């Protein structure tokens, strides 16, 4: 029963606020940090059942127009930052506590070209 509770709790641990549908995401835990993966698939126009071409679209990772935001349910946040092969080092992210006790984290659009990890330490 504890395993099921852990799975259900993890499934509700974060909620997209302003993330385009074609930005793909997943969440995991690594080295004690919550990690949210972001893949910019906005350059893909594939429909269910379409075959993936071996050639990438001309503009595979279009520039995002708006910052992305999401809510994460954690007891506390000590630090939120982004890492990516698209930029050097770590980029600190803004976050604020919401009325419901969750935290809203903002990923600036310029920090997601192709693939970015957001790491959150409690």
N, C-alpha and C. Protein backbone atom coordinates (compact mmCIF):
# COMPACT_ATOMS: atom_id res chain seq x y z
N UNK A 1 0.83 -1.20 0.00
CA UNK A 1 0.00 0.00 0.00
C UNK A 1 0.87 1.26 0.00
N UNK A 2 2.01 1.24 0.70
CA UNK A 2 2.88 2.41 0.75
C UNK A 2 3.42 2.75 -0.64
N UNK A 3 3.72 1.73 -1.45
CA UNK A 3 4.22 1.98 -2.81
C UNK A 3 3.17 2.74 -3.61
N UNK A 4 1.91 2.32 -3.54
CA UNK A 4 0.84 3.01 -4.26
C UNK A 4 0.71 4.45 -3.78
N UNK A 5 0.80 4.68 -2.48
CA UNK A 5 0.71 6.05 -1.95
C UNK A 5 1.85 6.91 -2.49
N UNK A 6 3.06 6.33 -2.54
CA UNK A 6 4.21 7.07 -3.06
C UNK A 6 4.01 7.44 -4.53
N UNK A 7 3.48 6.50 -5.33
CA UNK A 7 3.25 6.75 -6.75
C UNK A 7 2.20 7.85 -6.93
N UNK A 8 1.10 7.75 -6.22
CA UNK A 8 0.04 8.75 -6.34
C UNK A 8 0.53 10.11 -5.89
N UNK A 9 1.29 10.16 -4.80
CA UNK A 9 1.83 11.44 -4.32
C UNK A 9 2.77 12.04 -5.36
N UNK A 10 3.67 11.22 -5.96
CA UNK A 10 4.59 11.72 -6.96
C UNK A 10 3.85 12.26 -8.19
N UNK A 11 2.76 11.62 -8.58
CA UNK A 11 2.01 12.04 -9.76
C UNK A 11 1.39 13.42 -9.56
N UNK A 12 1.14 13.79 -8.32
CA UNK A 12 0.52 15.08 -8.03
C UNK A 12 1.53 16.10 -7.50
N UNK A 13 2.82 15.81 -7.61
CA UNK A 13 3.82 16.67 -7.01
C UNK A 13 4.13 17.92 -7.82
N UNK A 14 3.67 17.97 -9.07
CA UNK A 14 3.88 19.19 -9.85
C UNK A 14 2.74 19.37 -10.83
N UNK A 15 2.55 20.61 -11.25
CA UNK A 15 1.44 20.95 -12.13
C UNK A 15 1.89 22.05 -13.09
N UNK A 16 1.78 21.82 -14.40
CA UNK A 16 2.11 22.90 -15.34
C UNK A 16 1.17 24.09 -15.15
N UNK A 17 1.70 25.28 -15.21
CA UNK A 17 0.88 26.50 -15.16
C UNK A 17 0.83 27.12 -16.55
N UNK A 18 2.00 27.39 -17.10
CA UNK A 18 2.08 27.98 -18.45
C UNK A 18 3.20 27.30 -19.21
N UNK A 19 2.86 26.15 -19.81
CA UNK A 19 3.82 25.37 -20.59
C UNK A 19 3.11 24.96 -21.89
N UNK A 20 3.69 25.32 -23.04
CA UNK A 20 3.05 24.93 -24.31
C UNK A 20 2.87 23.42 -24.41
N UNK A 21 1.82 22.99 -25.08
CA UNK A 21 1.51 21.57 -25.20
C UNK A 21 2.65 20.78 -25.84
N UNK A 22 3.37 21.40 -26.77
CA UNK A 22 4.44 20.70 -27.46
C UNK A 22 5.80 20.79 -26.75
N UNK A 23 5.81 21.32 -25.54
CA UNK A 23 7.00 21.20 -24.70
C UNK A 23 6.76 19.97 -23.82
N UNK A 24 7.56 18.93 -24.07
CA UNK A 24 7.37 17.67 -23.38
C UNK A 24 8.12 17.69 -22.05
N UNK A 25 7.52 17.07 -21.04
CA UNK A 25 8.09 17.12 -19.70
C UNK A 25 8.03 15.76 -19.03
N UNK A 26 8.90 15.58 -18.07
CA UNK A 26 8.83 14.44 -17.15
C UNK A 26 9.51 14.87 -15.85
N UNK A 27 9.22 14.14 -14.79
CA UNK A 27 9.74 14.49 -13.48
C UNK A 27 10.43 13.28 -12.87
N UNK A 28 11.50 13.53 -12.15
CA UNK A 28 12.22 12.45 -11.47
C UNK A 28 12.91 13.02 -10.23
N UNK A 29 13.52 12.13 -9.48
CA UNK A 29 14.33 12.52 -8.32
C UNK A 29 15.75 12.06 -8.60
N UNK A 30 16.74 12.93 -8.38
CA UNK A 30 18.14 12.59 -8.59
C UNK A 30 18.99 13.28 -7.54
N UNK A 31 19.76 12.50 -6.80
CA UNK A 31 20.67 13.04 -5.78
C UNK A 31 19.93 13.94 -4.81
N UNK A 32 18.71 13.55 -4.43
CA UNK A 32 17.93 14.29 -3.45
C UNK A 32 17.25 15.54 -4.00
N UNK A 33 17.35 15.79 -5.29
CA UNK A 33 16.70 16.95 -5.90
C UNK A 33 15.56 16.48 -6.80
N UNK A 34 14.51 17.29 -6.85
CA UNK A 34 13.44 17.08 -7.82
C UNK A 34 13.94 17.60 -9.16
N UNK A 35 13.82 16.80 -10.20
CA UNK A 35 14.33 17.18 -11.53
C UNK A 35 13.19 17.12 -12.52
N UNK A 36 12.95 18.24 -13.21
CA UNK A 36 11.92 18.28 -14.25
C UNK A 36 12.63 18.49 -15.59
N UNK A 37 12.36 17.57 -16.51
CA UNK A 37 12.98 17.57 -17.83
C UNK A 37 12.05 18.30 -18.80
N UNK A 38 12.61 19.19 -19.61
CA UNK A 38 11.85 19.93 -20.61
C UNK A 38 12.47 19.70 -21.98
N UNK A 39 11.66 19.25 -22.94
CA UNK A 39 12.10 19.06 -24.32
C UNK A 39 11.24 19.95 -25.21
N UNK A 40 11.89 20.84 -25.93
CA UNK A 40 11.18 21.73 -26.84
C UNK A 40 10.87 20.99 -28.14
N UNK A 41 9.65 20.48 -28.25
CA UNK A 41 9.22 19.78 -29.45
C UNK A 41 8.26 20.63 -30.27
N UNK A 42 8.33 21.95 -30.09
CA UNK A 42 7.41 22.84 -30.80
C UNK A 42 7.67 22.87 -32.30
N UNK A 43 8.84 22.39 -32.75
CA UNK A 43 9.13 22.34 -34.18
C UNK A 43 8.60 21.09 -34.85
N UNK A 44 7.97 20.21 -34.07
CA UNK A 44 7.44 18.96 -34.62
C UNK A 44 5.95 19.10 -34.87
N UNK A 45 5.51 18.62 -36.01
CA UNK A 45 4.09 18.65 -36.33
C UNK A 45 3.54 17.24 -36.52
N UNK A 46 4.15 16.28 -35.87
CA UNK A 46 3.72 14.89 -36.01
C UNK A 46 2.37 14.67 -35.34
N UNK A 47 1.58 13.87 -35.98
CA UNK A 47 0.30 13.44 -35.42
C UNK A 47 0.44 11.98 -34.98
N UNK A 48 -0.46 11.53 -34.15
CA UNK A 48 -0.43 10.15 -33.70
C UNK A 48 -0.41 9.22 -34.91
N UNK A 49 0.55 8.29 -34.90
CA UNK A 49 0.67 7.33 -35.99
C UNK A 49 1.62 7.76 -37.10
N UNK A 50 2.03 9.05 -37.13
CA UNK A 50 2.96 9.51 -38.16
C UNK A 50 4.33 8.87 -37.96
N UNK A 51 5.00 8.63 -39.05
CA UNK A 51 6.38 8.13 -39.00
C UNK A 51 7.32 9.31 -38.79
N UNK A 52 8.32 9.11 -37.97
CA UNK A 52 9.32 10.14 -37.73
C UNK A 52 10.34 10.09 -38.86
N UNK A 53 10.54 11.23 -39.51
CA UNK A 53 11.50 11.32 -40.60
C UNK A 53 12.92 11.22 -40.05
N UNK A 54 13.83 10.72 -40.85
CA UNK A 54 15.22 10.67 -40.40
C UNK A 54 15.89 12.04 -40.51
N UNK A 55 15.21 12.99 -41.14
CA UNK A 55 15.73 14.35 -41.27
C UNK A 55 14.97 15.27 -40.32
N UNK A 56 15.71 16.05 -39.58
CA UNK A 56 15.09 16.99 -38.65
C UNK A 56 14.43 18.13 -39.44
N UNK A 57 13.35 18.71 -38.88
CA UNK A 57 12.76 19.88 -39.54
C UNK A 57 13.79 21.01 -39.63
N UNK A 58 13.58 21.91 -40.58
CA UNK A 58 14.53 23.01 -40.79
C UNK A 58 14.76 23.79 -39.49
N UNK A 59 13.69 24.08 -38.77
CA UNK A 59 13.80 24.76 -37.48
C UNK A 59 13.26 23.82 -36.40
N UNK A 60 14.08 22.86 -36.01
CA UNK A 60 13.64 21.81 -35.09
C UNK A 60 13.28 22.34 -33.70
N UNK A 61 13.93 23.40 -33.26
CA UNK A 61 13.69 23.94 -31.92
C UNK A 61 13.41 25.43 -32.00
N UNK A 62 12.20 25.80 -32.42
CA UNK A 62 11.88 27.24 -32.53
C UNK A 62 11.99 27.94 -31.18
N UNK A 63 12.32 29.20 -31.25
CA UNK A 63 12.41 30.01 -30.03
C UNK A 63 11.03 30.10 -29.38
N UNK A 64 11.00 29.90 -28.07
CA UNK A 64 9.74 30.03 -27.34
C UNK A 64 9.43 31.50 -27.13
N UNK A 65 8.17 31.85 -27.19
CA UNK A 65 7.75 33.25 -27.09
C UNK A 65 7.56 33.73 -25.65
N UNK A 66 7.23 32.77 -24.76
CA UNK A 66 6.91 33.16 -23.38
C UNK A 66 7.69 32.29 -22.40
N UNK A 67 7.90 32.84 -21.20
CA UNK A 67 8.50 32.06 -20.13
C UNK A 67 7.56 30.93 -19.74
N UNK A 68 8.12 29.85 -19.23
CA UNK A 68 7.35 28.71 -18.77
C UNK A 68 7.23 28.77 -17.25
N UNK A 69 6.11 28.29 -16.73
CA UNK A 69 5.96 28.26 -15.27
C UNK A 69 5.20 27.00 -14.87
N UNK A 70 5.47 26.56 -13.66
CA UNK A 70 4.82 25.38 -13.12
C UNK A 70 4.81 25.48 -11.60
N UNK A 71 3.92 24.71 -10.99
CA UNK A 71 3.84 24.65 -9.53
C UNK A 71 4.37 23.31 -9.08
N UNK A 72 5.10 23.31 -7.99
CA UNK A 72 5.66 22.09 -7.43
C UNK A 72 5.32 22.04 -5.95
N UNK A 73 4.86 20.86 -5.51
CA UNK A 73 4.47 20.68 -4.11
C UNK A 73 5.65 20.09 -3.34
N UNK A 74 6.37 20.97 -2.66
CA UNK A 74 7.49 20.57 -1.82
C UNK A 74 7.36 21.28 -0.49
N UNK A 75 7.96 20.72 0.55
CA UNK A 75 7.89 21.36 1.87
C UNK A 75 8.60 22.70 1.87
N UNK A 76 9.71 22.75 1.16
CA UNK A 76 10.52 23.96 1.13
C UNK A 76 11.40 23.91 -0.12
N UNK A 77 11.81 25.05 -0.60
CA UNK A 77 12.78 25.11 -1.70
C UNK A 77 13.97 25.93 -1.21
N UNK A 78 15.14 25.33 -1.34
CA UNK A 78 16.38 26.04 -1.03
C UNK A 78 16.96 26.69 -2.29
N UNK A 79 16.73 25.99 -3.41
CA UNK A 79 17.33 26.46 -4.66
C UNK A 79 16.61 25.84 -5.84
N UNK A 80 16.42 26.63 -6.90
CA UNK A 80 15.89 26.13 -8.17
C UNK A 80 16.81 26.67 -9.27
N UNK A 81 17.28 25.77 -10.13
CA UNK A 81 18.20 26.20 -11.18
C UNK A 81 18.04 25.33 -12.42
N UNK A 82 18.50 25.86 -13.55
CA UNK A 82 18.41 25.16 -14.83
C UNK A 82 19.81 24.80 -15.30
N UNK A 83 19.91 23.63 -15.94
CA UNK A 83 21.16 23.22 -16.59
C UNK A 83 20.80 22.68 -17.97
N UNK A 84 21.70 22.91 -18.92
CA UNK A 84 21.44 22.48 -20.30
C UNK A 84 22.75 22.49 -21.09
N UNK A 85 22.80 21.67 -22.11
CA UNK A 85 23.93 21.72 -23.04
C UNK A 85 23.87 22.99 -23.89
N UNK A 86 22.73 23.68 -23.85
CA UNK A 86 22.54 24.89 -24.66
C UNK A 86 23.16 26.14 -24.04
N UNK A 87 23.61 26.06 -22.78
CA UNK A 87 24.28 27.20 -22.15
C UNK A 87 25.28 26.69 -21.12
N UNK A 88 26.20 27.55 -20.75
CA UNK A 88 27.24 27.18 -19.80
C UNK A 88 26.75 27.34 -18.36
N UNK A 89 27.16 26.44 -17.51
CA UNK A 89 26.91 26.58 -16.07
C UNK A 89 25.47 26.34 -15.68
N UNK A 90 25.14 26.90 -14.52
CA UNK A 90 23.81 26.77 -13.94
C UNK A 90 23.14 28.14 -13.94
N UNK A 91 21.85 28.16 -14.22
CA UNK A 91 21.08 29.41 -14.23
C UNK A 91 20.06 29.36 -13.10
N UNK A 92 20.17 30.29 -12.16
CA UNK A 92 19.22 30.35 -11.04
C UNK A 92 17.84 30.72 -11.55
N UNK A 93 16.81 30.12 -10.97
CA UNK A 93 15.43 30.39 -11.38
C UNK A 93 14.65 31.06 -10.25
N UNK A 94 13.73 31.91 -10.64
CA UNK A 94 12.85 32.57 -9.68
C UNK A 94 11.76 31.59 -9.24
N UNK A 95 11.39 31.66 -7.97
CA UNK A 95 10.29 30.87 -7.44
C UNK A 95 9.64 31.64 -6.30
N UNK A 96 8.35 31.34 -6.07
CA UNK A 96 7.65 31.99 -4.97
C UNK A 96 6.61 31.04 -4.41
N UNK A 97 6.37 31.15 -3.11
CA UNK A 97 5.40 30.31 -2.44
C UNK A 97 4.00 30.81 -2.76
N UNK A 98 3.11 29.87 -3.09
CA UNK A 98 1.73 30.19 -3.44
C UNK A 98 0.82 30.01 -2.22
N UNK A 99 -0.40 30.52 -2.32
CA UNK A 99 -1.36 30.45 -1.21
C UNK A 99 -1.66 29.02 -0.79
N UNK A 100 -1.62 28.07 -1.75
CA UNK A 100 -1.93 26.66 -1.42
C UNK A 100 -0.74 25.91 -0.84
N UNK A 101 0.40 26.60 -0.65
CA UNK A 101 1.59 25.97 -0.08
C UNK A 101 2.56 25.44 -1.12
N UNK A 102 2.15 25.37 -2.38
CA UNK A 102 3.07 24.92 -3.44
C UNK A 102 3.96 26.11 -3.84
N UNK A 103 4.94 25.83 -4.66
CA UNK A 103 5.84 26.86 -5.15
C UNK A 103 5.68 27.01 -6.66
N UNK A 104 5.60 28.24 -7.13
CA UNK A 104 5.59 28.53 -8.55
C UNK A 104 7.02 28.79 -8.98
N UNK A 105 7.49 28.05 -9.99
CA UNK A 105 8.84 28.19 -10.52
C UNK A 105 8.73 28.68 -11.95
N UNK A 106 9.58 29.63 -12.32
CA UNK A 106 9.57 30.19 -13.68
C UNK A 106 10.86 29.84 -14.40
N UNK A 107 10.70 29.25 -15.59
CA UNK A 107 11.83 28.94 -16.47
C UNK A 107 11.79 29.94 -17.62
N UNK A 108 12.73 30.90 -17.66
CA UNK A 108 12.72 31.86 -18.76
C UNK A 108 12.83 31.16 -20.12
N UNK A 109 12.11 31.66 -21.10
CA UNK A 109 12.08 31.05 -22.44
C UNK A 109 13.48 30.88 -23.02
N UNK A 110 14.36 31.84 -22.76
CA UNK A 110 15.70 31.75 -23.34
C UNK A 110 16.55 30.63 -22.74
N UNK A 111 16.09 30.01 -21.65
CA UNK A 111 16.82 28.88 -21.05
C UNK A 111 16.40 27.54 -21.64
N UNK A 112 15.42 27.52 -22.56
CA UNK A 112 15.01 26.27 -23.20
C UNK A 112 15.11 26.41 -24.71
N UNK A 113 16.23 25.94 -25.25
CA UNK A 113 16.35 25.89 -26.71
C UNK A 113 15.89 24.51 -27.17
N UNK A 114 16.61 23.47 -26.77
CA UNK A 114 16.24 22.10 -27.14
C UNK A 114 15.82 21.29 -25.91
N UNK A 115 16.73 21.17 -24.94
CA UNK A 115 16.48 20.31 -23.77
C UNK A 115 17.10 20.96 -22.54
N UNK A 116 16.33 21.07 -21.49
CA UNK A 116 16.80 21.68 -20.24
C UNK A 116 16.28 20.88 -19.06
N UNK A 117 17.11 20.79 -18.04
CA UNK A 117 16.71 20.21 -16.76
C UNK A 117 16.52 21.33 -15.75
N UNK A 118 15.43 21.28 -15.02
CA UNK A 118 15.24 22.17 -13.88
C UNK A 118 15.45 21.32 -12.64
N UNK A 119 16.39 21.72 -11.81
CA UNK A 119 16.69 20.98 -10.59
C UNK A 119 16.26 21.83 -9.41
N UNK A 120 15.55 21.19 -8.46
CA UNK A 120 15.02 21.90 -7.30
C UNK A 120 15.48 21.17 -6.04
N UNK A 121 16.20 21.90 -5.20
CA UNK A 121 16.68 21.34 -3.94
C UNK A 121 15.86 21.82 -2.77
N UNK A 122 15.51 20.86 -1.90
CA UNK A 122 14.75 21.22 -0.68
C UNK A 122 15.71 21.52 0.45
